[in-house]
N, C-alpha and C. Protein backbone atom coordinates (compact mmCIF):
# COMPACT_ATOMS: atom_id res chain seq x y z
N MET A 1 -15.20 -37.55 198.85
CA MET A 1 -15.40 -38.34 197.65
C MET A 1 -14.63 -39.65 197.77
N ASN A 2 -15.12 -40.58 197.08
CA ASN A 2 -14.53 -41.91 197.02
C ASN A 2 -13.19 -41.84 196.27
N ARG A 3 -12.23 -42.64 196.71
CA ARG A 3 -10.89 -42.67 196.13
C ARG A 3 -10.93 -43.06 194.65
N ASN A 4 -11.79 -44.00 194.24
CA ASN A 4 -11.90 -44.42 192.84
C ASN A 4 -12.43 -43.30 191.95
N ILE A 5 -13.36 -42.52 192.48
CA ILE A 5 -13.90 -41.39 191.72
C ILE A 5 -12.82 -40.34 191.52
N LEU A 6 -12.05 -40.03 192.58
CA LEU A 6 -10.95 -39.06 192.46
C LEU A 6 -9.91 -39.54 191.45
N PHE A 7 -9.60 -40.82 191.49
CA PHE A 7 -8.63 -41.38 190.55
C PHE A 7 -9.16 -41.25 189.12
N SER A 8 -10.43 -41.54 188.90
CA SER A 8 -11.04 -41.45 187.57
C SER A 8 -11.03 -40.02 187.05
N ILE A 9 -11.34 -39.07 187.94
CA ILE A 9 -11.33 -37.65 187.54
C ILE A 9 -9.91 -37.23 187.18
N ALA A 10 -8.93 -37.62 187.99
CA ALA A 10 -7.54 -37.27 187.71
C ALA A 10 -7.08 -37.87 186.38
N LEU A 11 -7.48 -39.10 186.11
CA LEU A 11 -7.11 -39.76 184.86
C LEU A 11 -7.73 -39.04 183.66
N LEU A 12 -8.99 -38.68 183.78
CA LEU A 12 -9.67 -37.96 182.70
C LEU A 12 -9.01 -36.60 182.44
N LEU A 13 -8.68 -35.88 183.51
CA LEU A 13 -8.01 -34.58 183.35
C LEU A 13 -6.64 -34.74 182.69
N THR A 14 -5.90 -35.76 183.09
CA THR A 14 -4.59 -36.01 182.49
C THR A 14 -4.73 -36.31 181.01
N LEU A 15 -5.70 -37.15 180.65
CA LEU A 15 -5.93 -37.47 179.24
C LEU A 15 -6.35 -36.24 178.45
N ALA A 16 -7.21 -35.42 179.04
CA ALA A 16 -7.67 -34.21 178.34
C ALA A 16 -6.51 -33.25 178.10
N VAL A 17 -5.69 -33.03 179.11
CA VAL A 17 -4.55 -32.12 178.98
C VAL A 17 -3.56 -32.66 177.96
N SER A 18 -3.26 -33.94 177.99
CA SER A 18 -2.30 -34.50 177.04
C SER A 18 -2.85 -34.44 175.62
N THR A 19 -4.16 -34.61 175.45
CA THR A 19 -4.76 -34.50 174.12
C THR A 19 -4.63 -33.08 173.60
N VAL A 20 -4.89 -32.10 174.44
CA VAL A 20 -4.77 -30.70 174.03
C VAL A 20 -3.33 -30.41 173.61
N PHE A 21 -2.35 -30.81 174.43
CA PHE A 21 -0.96 -30.51 174.10
C PHE A 21 -0.47 -31.29 172.89
N SER A 22 -0.94 -32.51 172.67
CA SER A 22 -0.51 -33.23 171.48
C SER A 22 -1.11 -32.57 170.25
N GLY A 23 -2.31 -32.00 170.35
CA GLY A 23 -2.91 -31.27 169.23
C GLY A 23 -2.10 -30.04 168.90
N VAL A 24 -1.63 -29.33 169.93
CA VAL A 24 -0.80 -28.15 169.70
C VAL A 24 0.50 -28.56 169.03
N SER A 25 1.08 -29.63 169.48
CA SER A 25 2.33 -30.11 168.90
C SER A 25 2.14 -30.48 167.44
N ASN A 26 1.05 -31.19 167.12
CA ASN A 26 0.81 -31.57 165.74
C ASN A 26 0.53 -30.35 164.87
N ALA A 27 -0.21 -29.39 165.40
CA ALA A 27 -0.50 -28.19 164.63
C ALA A 27 0.78 -27.42 164.34
N ALA A 28 1.67 -27.37 165.31
CA ALA A 28 2.91 -26.62 165.14
C ALA A 28 3.79 -27.24 164.07
N SER A 29 3.69 -28.55 163.86
CA SER A 29 4.53 -29.20 162.86
C SER A 29 4.01 -28.96 161.44
N ASN A 30 2.94 -28.24 161.31
CA ASN A 30 2.36 -27.94 160.01
C ASN A 30 2.58 -26.50 159.60
N GLN A 31 3.68 -25.93 160.03
CA GLN A 31 4.00 -24.54 159.72
C GLN A 31 5.27 -24.47 158.87
N LEU A 32 5.22 -23.67 157.84
CA LEU A 32 6.40 -23.36 157.06
C LEU A 32 6.85 -21.99 157.55
N LEU A 33 8.07 -21.91 158.05
CA LEU A 33 8.61 -20.65 158.56
C LEU A 33 9.56 -20.07 157.51
N ILE A 34 9.27 -18.86 157.09
CA ILE A 34 10.09 -18.19 156.09
C ILE A 34 10.70 -16.97 156.75
N GLU A 35 12.01 -16.98 156.89
CA GLU A 35 12.71 -15.84 157.48
C GLU A 35 13.38 -15.06 156.36
N VAL A 36 13.03 -13.79 156.25
CA VAL A 36 13.56 -12.92 155.20
C VAL A 36 14.32 -11.79 155.86
N GLU A 37 15.54 -11.59 155.40
CA GLU A 37 16.35 -10.49 155.93
C GLU A 37 16.31 -9.30 154.97
N ILE A 38 15.99 -8.15 155.53
CA ILE A 38 16.08 -6.89 154.79
C ILE A 38 17.39 -6.25 155.25
N PRO A 39 18.36 -6.10 154.34
CA PRO A 39 19.66 -5.57 154.76
C PRO A 39 19.62 -4.08 155.11
N ARG A 40 20.48 -3.70 156.03
CA ARG A 40 20.64 -2.29 156.38
C ARG A 40 21.50 -1.65 155.28
N MET A 41 21.05 -0.51 154.78
CA MET A 41 21.77 0.16 153.69
C MET A 41 22.21 1.53 154.13
N ASN A 42 23.40 1.88 153.72
CA ASN A 42 23.95 3.18 154.02
C ASN A 42 23.81 4.06 152.78
N VAL A 43 22.60 4.63 152.62
CA VAL A 43 22.31 5.47 151.45
C VAL A 43 21.69 6.78 151.94
N ALA A 44 21.76 7.79 151.10
CA ALA A 44 21.24 9.12 151.47
C ALA A 44 19.73 9.11 151.67
N GLU A 45 19.01 8.46 150.76
CA GLU A 45 17.55 8.42 150.84
C GLU A 45 17.11 6.96 150.88
N TYR A 46 16.62 6.53 152.02
CA TYR A 46 16.23 5.13 152.19
C TYR A 46 14.72 5.02 152.35
N HIS A 47 14.13 4.13 151.60
CA HIS A 47 12.71 3.79 151.73
C HIS A 47 12.63 2.29 151.96
N ARG A 48 11.74 1.89 152.83
CA ARG A 48 11.54 0.45 153.06
C ARG A 48 11.02 -0.20 151.78
N PRO A 49 11.49 -1.43 151.51
CA PRO A 49 11.06 -2.07 150.26
C PRO A 49 9.65 -2.63 150.36
N TYR A 50 9.00 -2.68 149.21
CA TYR A 50 7.77 -3.46 149.05
C TYR A 50 8.26 -4.88 148.77
N VAL A 51 7.64 -5.87 149.40
CA VAL A 51 8.08 -7.26 149.26
C VAL A 51 6.86 -8.15 149.00
N ALA A 52 7.00 -9.05 148.03
CA ALA A 52 5.97 -10.04 147.75
C ALA A 52 6.60 -11.42 147.85
N ILE A 53 5.85 -12.36 148.42
CA ILE A 53 6.32 -13.74 148.56
C ILE A 53 5.21 -14.63 148.02
N TRP A 54 5.59 -15.52 147.10
CA TRP A 54 4.59 -16.42 146.53
C TRP A 54 5.24 -17.74 146.11
N LEU A 55 4.39 -18.75 145.94
CA LEU A 55 4.80 -20.05 145.41
C LEU A 55 4.38 -20.10 143.95
N GLU A 56 5.25 -20.65 143.11
CA GLU A 56 4.94 -20.73 141.69
C GLU A 56 5.24 -22.13 141.19
N ASP A 57 4.29 -22.74 140.47
CA ASP A 57 4.53 -24.08 139.94
C ASP A 57 5.23 -23.99 138.58
N SER A 58 5.48 -25.14 137.96
CA SER A 58 6.23 -25.16 136.70
C SER A 58 5.44 -24.53 135.55
N ASN A 59 4.13 -24.36 135.71
CA ASN A 59 3.30 -23.70 134.69
C ASN A 59 3.12 -22.21 134.99
N ARG A 60 3.86 -21.72 135.96
CA ARG A 60 3.84 -20.32 136.39
C ARG A 60 2.56 -19.91 137.11
N LYS A 61 1.79 -20.90 137.55
CA LYS A 61 0.61 -20.60 138.37
C LYS A 61 1.10 -20.23 139.76
N ALA A 62 0.62 -19.10 140.25
CA ALA A 62 1.15 -18.55 141.50
C ALA A 62 0.13 -18.62 142.63
N THR A 63 0.66 -18.86 143.83
CA THR A 63 -0.13 -18.86 145.06
C THR A 63 0.50 -17.85 146.01
N GLN A 64 -0.24 -16.81 146.34
CA GLN A 64 0.27 -15.73 147.18
C GLN A 64 0.52 -16.21 148.61
N ILE A 65 1.65 -15.80 149.19
CA ILE A 65 1.99 -16.11 150.58
C ILE A 65 1.93 -14.84 151.44
N ALA A 66 2.60 -13.78 150.99
CA ALA A 66 2.64 -12.54 151.79
C ALA A 66 2.90 -11.36 150.87
N LEU A 67 2.52 -10.18 151.36
CA LEU A 67 2.74 -8.94 150.64
C LEU A 67 2.95 -7.83 151.66
N TRP A 68 4.10 -7.15 151.56
CA TRP A 68 4.41 -6.04 152.46
C TRP A 68 4.46 -4.77 151.63
N TYR A 69 3.60 -3.83 151.96
CA TYR A 69 3.64 -2.53 151.28
C TYR A 69 3.12 -1.46 152.22
N ASP A 70 3.17 -0.22 151.78
CA ASP A 70 2.80 0.91 152.63
C ASP A 70 1.29 1.01 152.73
N LEU A 71 0.77 0.53 153.84
CA LEU A 71 -0.67 0.51 154.07
C LEU A 71 -1.19 1.84 154.61
N ASP A 72 -0.29 2.68 155.09
CA ASP A 72 -0.70 3.90 155.79
C ASP A 72 -0.83 5.15 154.91
N MET A 73 -0.53 5.01 153.64
CA MET A 73 -0.62 6.19 152.77
C MET A 73 -2.08 6.61 152.59
N LYS A 74 -2.27 7.90 152.51
CA LYS A 74 -3.60 8.47 152.35
C LYS A 74 -4.27 7.91 151.08
N ASP A 75 -5.56 7.61 151.18
CA ASP A 75 -6.37 7.10 150.06
C ASP A 75 -5.78 5.83 149.44
N ASN A 76 -5.14 5.01 150.26
CA ASN A 76 -4.55 3.74 149.81
C ASN A 76 -3.58 3.94 148.64
N GLU A 77 -2.88 5.07 148.65
CA GLU A 77 -1.95 5.36 147.56
C GLU A 77 -0.80 4.37 147.48
N GLY A 78 -0.48 3.69 148.59
CA GLY A 78 0.58 2.70 148.57
C GLY A 78 0.33 1.58 147.58
N ALA A 79 -0.93 1.24 147.36
CA ALA A 79 -1.28 0.18 146.42
C ALA A 79 -0.91 0.55 144.99
N LYS A 80 -0.85 1.84 144.68
CA LYS A 80 -0.53 2.28 143.32
C LYS A 80 0.90 1.89 142.94
N TRP A 81 1.77 1.69 143.92
CA TRP A 81 3.17 1.37 143.64
C TRP A 81 3.43 -0.14 143.64
N LEU A 82 2.41 -0.93 143.86
CA LEU A 82 2.60 -2.39 143.86
C LEU A 82 3.10 -2.90 142.51
N LYS A 83 2.75 -2.22 141.43
CA LYS A 83 3.20 -2.66 140.10
C LYS A 83 4.72 -2.63 139.96
N ASP A 84 5.42 -1.93 140.88
CA ASP A 84 6.88 -1.90 140.85
C ASP A 84 7.50 -3.22 141.32
N ILE A 85 6.70 -4.06 141.95
CA ILE A 85 7.15 -5.43 142.26
C ILE A 85 6.81 -6.22 140.99
N ARG A 86 7.63 -6.09 139.97
CA ARG A 86 7.28 -6.44 138.59
C ARG A 86 6.90 -7.89 138.35
N GLN A 87 7.73 -8.83 138.78
CA GLN A 87 7.38 -10.23 138.52
C GLN A 87 6.11 -10.62 139.25
N TRP A 88 6.00 -10.21 140.51
CA TRP A 88 4.79 -10.50 141.27
C TRP A 88 3.57 -9.86 140.60
N TRP A 89 3.72 -8.63 140.13
CA TRP A 89 2.61 -7.92 139.51
C TRP A 89 2.11 -8.68 138.27
N ARG A 90 3.05 -9.19 137.47
CA ARG A 90 2.67 -9.92 136.25
C ARG A 90 2.00 -11.26 136.57
N ARG A 91 2.45 -11.93 137.63
CA ARG A 91 1.91 -13.25 137.96
C ARG A 91 0.61 -13.18 138.76
N ILE A 92 0.54 -12.22 139.69
CA ILE A 92 -0.57 -12.21 140.64
C ILE A 92 -1.24 -10.84 140.74
N GLY A 93 -0.45 -9.80 140.94
CA GLY A 93 -0.95 -8.50 141.37
C GLY A 93 -2.02 -7.88 140.50
N ARG A 94 -1.79 -7.84 139.20
CA ARG A 94 -2.75 -7.12 138.36
C ARG A 94 -4.09 -7.84 138.24
N LYS A 95 -4.10 -9.15 138.51
CA LYS A 95 -5.35 -9.93 138.42
C LYS A 95 -6.03 -10.10 139.76
N ALA A 96 -5.31 -9.81 140.83
CA ALA A 96 -5.83 -10.08 142.18
C ALA A 96 -6.82 -9.02 142.61
N GLU A 97 -7.74 -9.46 143.45
CA GLU A 97 -8.72 -8.54 144.03
C GLU A 97 -8.03 -7.75 145.14
N GLN A 98 -8.19 -6.45 145.11
CA GLN A 98 -7.58 -5.61 146.13
C GLN A 98 -8.67 -5.08 147.05
N PRO A 99 -8.45 -4.81 148.29
CA PRO A 99 -7.18 -4.95 148.99
C PRO A 99 -6.83 -6.42 149.20
N PHE A 100 -5.59 -6.68 149.47
CA PHE A 100 -5.08 -8.03 149.64
C PHE A 100 -5.26 -8.46 151.09
N ASP A 101 -6.48 -8.59 151.52
CA ASP A 101 -6.78 -8.91 152.91
C ASP A 101 -6.18 -10.25 153.31
N GLY A 102 -5.68 -10.28 154.54
CA GLY A 102 -5.15 -11.51 155.10
C GLY A 102 -3.73 -11.82 154.68
N LEU A 103 -3.20 -11.11 153.70
CA LEU A 103 -1.85 -11.39 153.20
C LEU A 103 -0.90 -10.24 153.47
N THR A 104 -1.45 -9.08 153.70
CA THR A 104 -0.62 -7.89 153.73
C THR A 104 -0.21 -7.49 155.14
N SER A 105 0.89 -6.83 155.16
CA SER A 105 1.32 -6.13 156.37
C SER A 105 2.15 -4.94 155.90
N ALA A 106 2.49 -4.11 156.83
CA ALA A 106 3.27 -2.92 156.49
C ALA A 106 4.67 -3.31 156.03
N THR A 107 5.30 -2.41 155.33
CA THR A 107 6.68 -2.63 154.91
C THR A 107 7.54 -2.86 156.15
N LYS A 108 8.64 -3.55 155.97
CA LYS A 108 9.52 -3.90 157.09
C LYS A 108 10.84 -3.15 156.95
N GLY A 109 11.40 -2.78 158.07
CA GLY A 109 12.70 -2.14 158.08
C GLY A 109 13.82 -3.17 158.07
N ALA A 110 15.03 -2.70 158.18
CA ALA A 110 16.19 -3.60 158.18
C ALA A 110 16.08 -4.60 159.32
N GLY A 111 16.48 -5.82 159.05
CA GLY A 111 16.44 -6.88 160.06
C GLY A 111 15.86 -8.15 159.49
N LYS A 112 15.72 -9.14 160.36
CA LYS A 112 15.17 -10.44 159.96
C LYS A 112 13.70 -10.49 160.36
N HIS A 113 12.87 -10.93 159.43
CA HIS A 113 11.42 -10.99 159.64
C HIS A 113 10.94 -12.39 159.29
N THR A 114 10.14 -12.98 160.17
CA THR A 114 9.66 -14.35 159.97
C THR A 114 8.17 -14.38 159.69
N ILE A 115 7.82 -15.15 158.69
CA ILE A 115 6.42 -15.39 158.33
C ILE A 115 6.14 -16.85 158.64
N SER A 116 5.03 -17.09 159.29
CA SER A 116 4.59 -18.44 159.57
C SER A 116 3.43 -18.77 158.64
N VAL A 117 3.60 -19.80 157.81
CA VAL A 117 2.60 -20.17 156.82
C VAL A 117 1.96 -21.48 157.25
N ASP A 118 0.65 -21.47 157.39
CA ASP A 118 -0.09 -22.68 157.78
C ASP A 118 -0.20 -23.60 156.57
N LEU A 119 0.46 -24.75 156.64
CA LEU A 119 0.44 -25.69 155.52
C LEU A 119 -0.92 -26.35 155.34
N ASN A 120 -1.81 -26.18 156.31
CA ASN A 120 -3.16 -26.72 156.20
C ASN A 120 -4.15 -25.70 155.63
N ALA A 121 -3.66 -24.53 155.24
CA ALA A 121 -4.54 -23.52 154.64
C ALA A 121 -5.14 -24.08 153.35
N LYS A 122 -6.37 -23.71 153.09
CA LYS A 122 -7.12 -24.23 151.95
C LYS A 122 -6.35 -24.07 150.63
N GLU A 123 -5.77 -22.91 150.39
CA GLU A 123 -5.06 -22.65 149.13
C GLU A 123 -3.85 -23.57 148.96
N LEU A 124 -3.18 -23.88 150.06
CA LEU A 124 -1.98 -24.71 149.99
C LEU A 124 -2.32 -26.19 149.92
N LYS A 125 -3.35 -26.61 150.61
CA LYS A 125 -3.76 -28.02 150.55
C LYS A 125 -4.22 -28.39 149.15
N ALA A 126 -4.68 -27.43 148.38
CA ALA A 126 -5.17 -27.69 147.03
C ALA A 126 -4.04 -27.79 146.00
N LEU A 127 -2.80 -27.46 146.38
CA LEU A 127 -1.69 -27.49 145.43
C LEU A 127 -1.38 -28.93 145.00
N ALA A 128 -1.13 -29.10 143.72
CA ALA A 128 -0.74 -30.41 143.20
C ALA A 128 0.69 -30.72 143.61
N ALA A 129 0.99 -31.99 143.77
CA ALA A 129 2.36 -32.40 144.07
C ALA A 129 3.26 -32.03 142.90
N GLY A 130 4.49 -31.67 143.21
CA GLY A 130 5.43 -31.34 142.14
C GLY A 130 6.50 -30.36 142.58
N ASP A 131 7.21 -29.85 141.59
CA ASP A 131 8.29 -28.90 141.82
C ASP A 131 7.75 -27.48 141.76
N TYR A 132 8.19 -26.68 142.73
CA TYR A 132 7.75 -25.29 142.86
C TYR A 132 8.96 -24.41 143.09
N GLN A 133 8.74 -23.11 142.95
CA GLN A 133 9.71 -22.09 143.33
C GLN A 133 9.04 -21.22 144.38
N LEU A 134 9.73 -20.99 145.47
CA LEU A 134 9.29 -19.96 146.41
C LEU A 134 9.99 -18.70 145.93
N ARG A 135 9.23 -17.68 145.59
CA ARG A 135 9.79 -16.45 145.06
C ARG A 135 9.58 -15.32 146.07
N ILE A 136 10.66 -14.59 146.28
CA ILE A 136 10.62 -13.43 147.17
C ILE A 136 11.17 -12.26 146.36
N GLU A 137 10.32 -11.26 146.16
CA GLU A 137 10.72 -10.12 145.34
C GLU A 137 10.62 -8.84 146.16
N ALA A 138 11.65 -8.02 146.06
CA ALA A 138 11.69 -6.74 146.77
C ALA A 138 11.92 -5.62 145.77
N SER A 139 11.25 -4.50 146.00
CA SER A 139 11.42 -3.32 145.17
C SER A 139 11.40 -2.11 146.10
N ARG A 140 12.36 -1.22 145.90
CA ARG A 140 12.50 -0.09 146.81
C ARG A 140 12.56 1.21 146.02
N GLU A 141 11.76 2.19 146.46
CA GLU A 141 11.80 3.51 145.84
C GLU A 141 13.19 4.11 146.00
N VAL A 142 13.71 4.71 144.94
CA VAL A 142 15.05 5.26 144.91
C VAL A 142 16.06 4.16 145.28
N GLY A 143 15.77 2.97 144.83
CA GLY A 143 16.63 1.82 145.11
C GLY A 143 16.52 0.81 144.00
N GLY A 144 16.77 -0.42 144.33
CA GLY A 144 16.78 -1.46 143.32
C GLY A 144 15.63 -2.43 143.45
N LYS A 145 15.73 -3.48 142.65
CA LYS A 145 14.76 -4.56 142.64
C LYS A 145 15.55 -5.86 142.71
N GLU A 146 14.96 -6.85 143.35
CA GLU A 146 15.65 -8.14 143.43
C GLU A 146 14.64 -9.25 143.67
N VAL A 147 14.92 -10.41 143.07
CA VAL A 147 14.10 -11.60 143.28
C VAL A 147 15.02 -12.74 143.72
N VAL A 148 14.61 -13.43 144.78
CA VAL A 148 15.30 -14.63 145.23
C VAL A 148 14.35 -15.79 144.97
N ASN A 149 14.85 -16.81 144.27
CA ASN A 149 14.06 -18.00 143.95
C ASN A 149 14.63 -19.19 144.70
N ILE A 150 13.76 -19.94 145.35
CA ILE A 150 14.18 -21.11 146.10
C ILE A 150 13.36 -22.31 145.63
N PRO A 151 14.00 -23.28 144.98
CA PRO A 151 13.25 -24.45 144.54
C PRO A 151 12.85 -25.33 145.73
N LEU A 152 11.63 -25.87 145.66
CA LEU A 152 11.18 -26.80 146.69
C LEU A 152 10.18 -27.77 146.07
N THR A 153 9.96 -28.87 146.75
CA THR A 153 9.04 -29.90 146.29
C THR A 153 7.80 -29.89 147.17
N TRP A 154 6.66 -30.03 146.51
CA TRP A 154 5.38 -30.07 147.21
C TRP A 154 4.82 -31.46 147.09
N PRO A 155 4.28 -32.08 148.11
CA PRO A 155 4.08 -31.54 149.44
C PRO A 155 5.38 -31.44 150.22
N ILE A 156 5.36 -30.60 151.22
CA ILE A 156 6.52 -30.33 152.06
C ILE A 156 6.86 -31.57 152.88
N LYS A 157 8.16 -31.91 152.90
CA LYS A 157 8.66 -32.97 153.78
C LYS A 157 9.69 -32.33 154.71
N ALA A 158 9.47 -32.45 156.00
CA ALA A 158 10.35 -31.81 156.99
C ALA A 158 11.81 -32.22 156.80
N SER A 159 12.04 -33.43 156.30
CA SER A 159 13.42 -33.91 156.13
C SER A 159 14.18 -33.13 155.06
N ASP A 160 13.49 -32.40 154.19
CA ASP A 160 14.14 -31.62 153.13
C ASP A 160 14.61 -30.24 153.61
N TYR A 161 14.35 -29.91 154.88
CA TYR A 161 14.60 -28.56 155.38
C TYR A 161 15.64 -28.57 156.48
N PRO A 162 16.30 -27.45 156.71
CA PRO A 162 16.07 -26.09 156.22
C PRO A 162 16.64 -25.88 154.82
N LEU A 163 16.09 -24.88 154.13
CA LEU A 163 16.60 -24.40 152.84
C LEU A 163 17.10 -22.98 153.05
N LYS A 164 18.20 -22.65 152.35
CA LYS A 164 18.79 -21.31 152.51
C LYS A 164 19.08 -20.71 151.15
N ALA A 165 18.98 -19.40 151.08
CA ALA A 165 19.35 -18.64 149.89
C ALA A 165 19.74 -17.24 150.35
N SER A 166 20.34 -16.48 149.46
CA SER A 166 20.72 -15.11 149.80
C SER A 166 20.51 -14.20 148.61
N GLY A 167 20.08 -12.99 148.92
CA GLY A 167 20.00 -11.95 147.91
C GLY A 167 21.34 -11.24 147.84
N ASN A 168 21.45 -10.32 146.89
CA ASN A 168 22.70 -9.57 146.70
C ASN A 168 22.61 -8.10 147.08
N SER A 169 21.39 -7.55 147.10
CA SER A 169 21.28 -6.12 147.36
C SER A 169 20.05 -5.79 148.21
N GLU A 170 18.87 -5.92 147.65
CA GLU A 170 17.64 -5.54 148.35
C GLU A 170 17.18 -6.58 149.36
N LEU A 171 17.63 -7.81 149.20
CA LEU A 171 17.30 -8.90 150.12
C LEU A 171 18.58 -9.49 150.66
N GLY A 172 18.54 -9.93 151.90
CA GLY A 172 19.68 -10.60 152.51
C GLY A 172 19.43 -12.10 152.53
N ASP A 173 19.74 -12.73 153.66
CA ASP A 173 19.57 -14.18 153.79
C ASP A 173 18.10 -14.54 153.90
N VAL A 174 17.76 -15.69 153.31
CA VAL A 174 16.42 -16.25 153.41
C VAL A 174 16.58 -17.67 153.95
N LEU A 175 15.81 -17.99 154.96
CA LEU A 175 15.84 -19.31 155.58
C LEU A 175 14.44 -19.87 155.62
N ILE A 176 14.27 -21.10 155.15
CA ILE A 176 12.97 -21.75 155.17
C ILE A 176 13.08 -23.00 156.02
N GLN A 177 12.18 -23.11 156.99
CA GLN A 177 12.15 -24.26 157.91
C GLN A 177 10.73 -24.77 158.04
N VAL A 178 10.63 -26.02 158.49
CA VAL A 178 9.33 -26.59 158.82
C VAL A 178 9.30 -26.77 160.32
N ASN A 179 8.22 -26.33 160.93
CA ASN A 179 8.09 -26.42 162.39
C ASN A 179 6.88 -27.26 162.72
């Protein structure tokens, strides 16, 4: 092959690869990372908590982010206990269509768990600019209930992050970052 043709092919491949990687880089910067710690408890009877995470505006309109509950119970019996996540149930749960496809995962054990939220998701792009609360609520059978509220401004600006908060019993540290 001619040297000019080889050079042109190499240039096109370089441009294609750099375009792909710049797209990945831009996509990655549109993620909200929410790290939630479930504390280890030294109790006689321990059950993993049900956890709901949502955004709430000043009018109490809620946008669901995640829901962790027992998906493996026979006949979807785990869903019957969702009402124990009281604030979430009043804002979202009782009106929401079940099952909560795309939002749910199994309950989590002790440790730090990270959720990656796509800021370009249709539900989030439709949010009006303003002040919001990120709410994380945990409820545990034969245990307690706790809600951690983290104020944030929408739309998200990376310069405002990271944000940190801590629970006192059912939830540990919460860290919110933009990636």
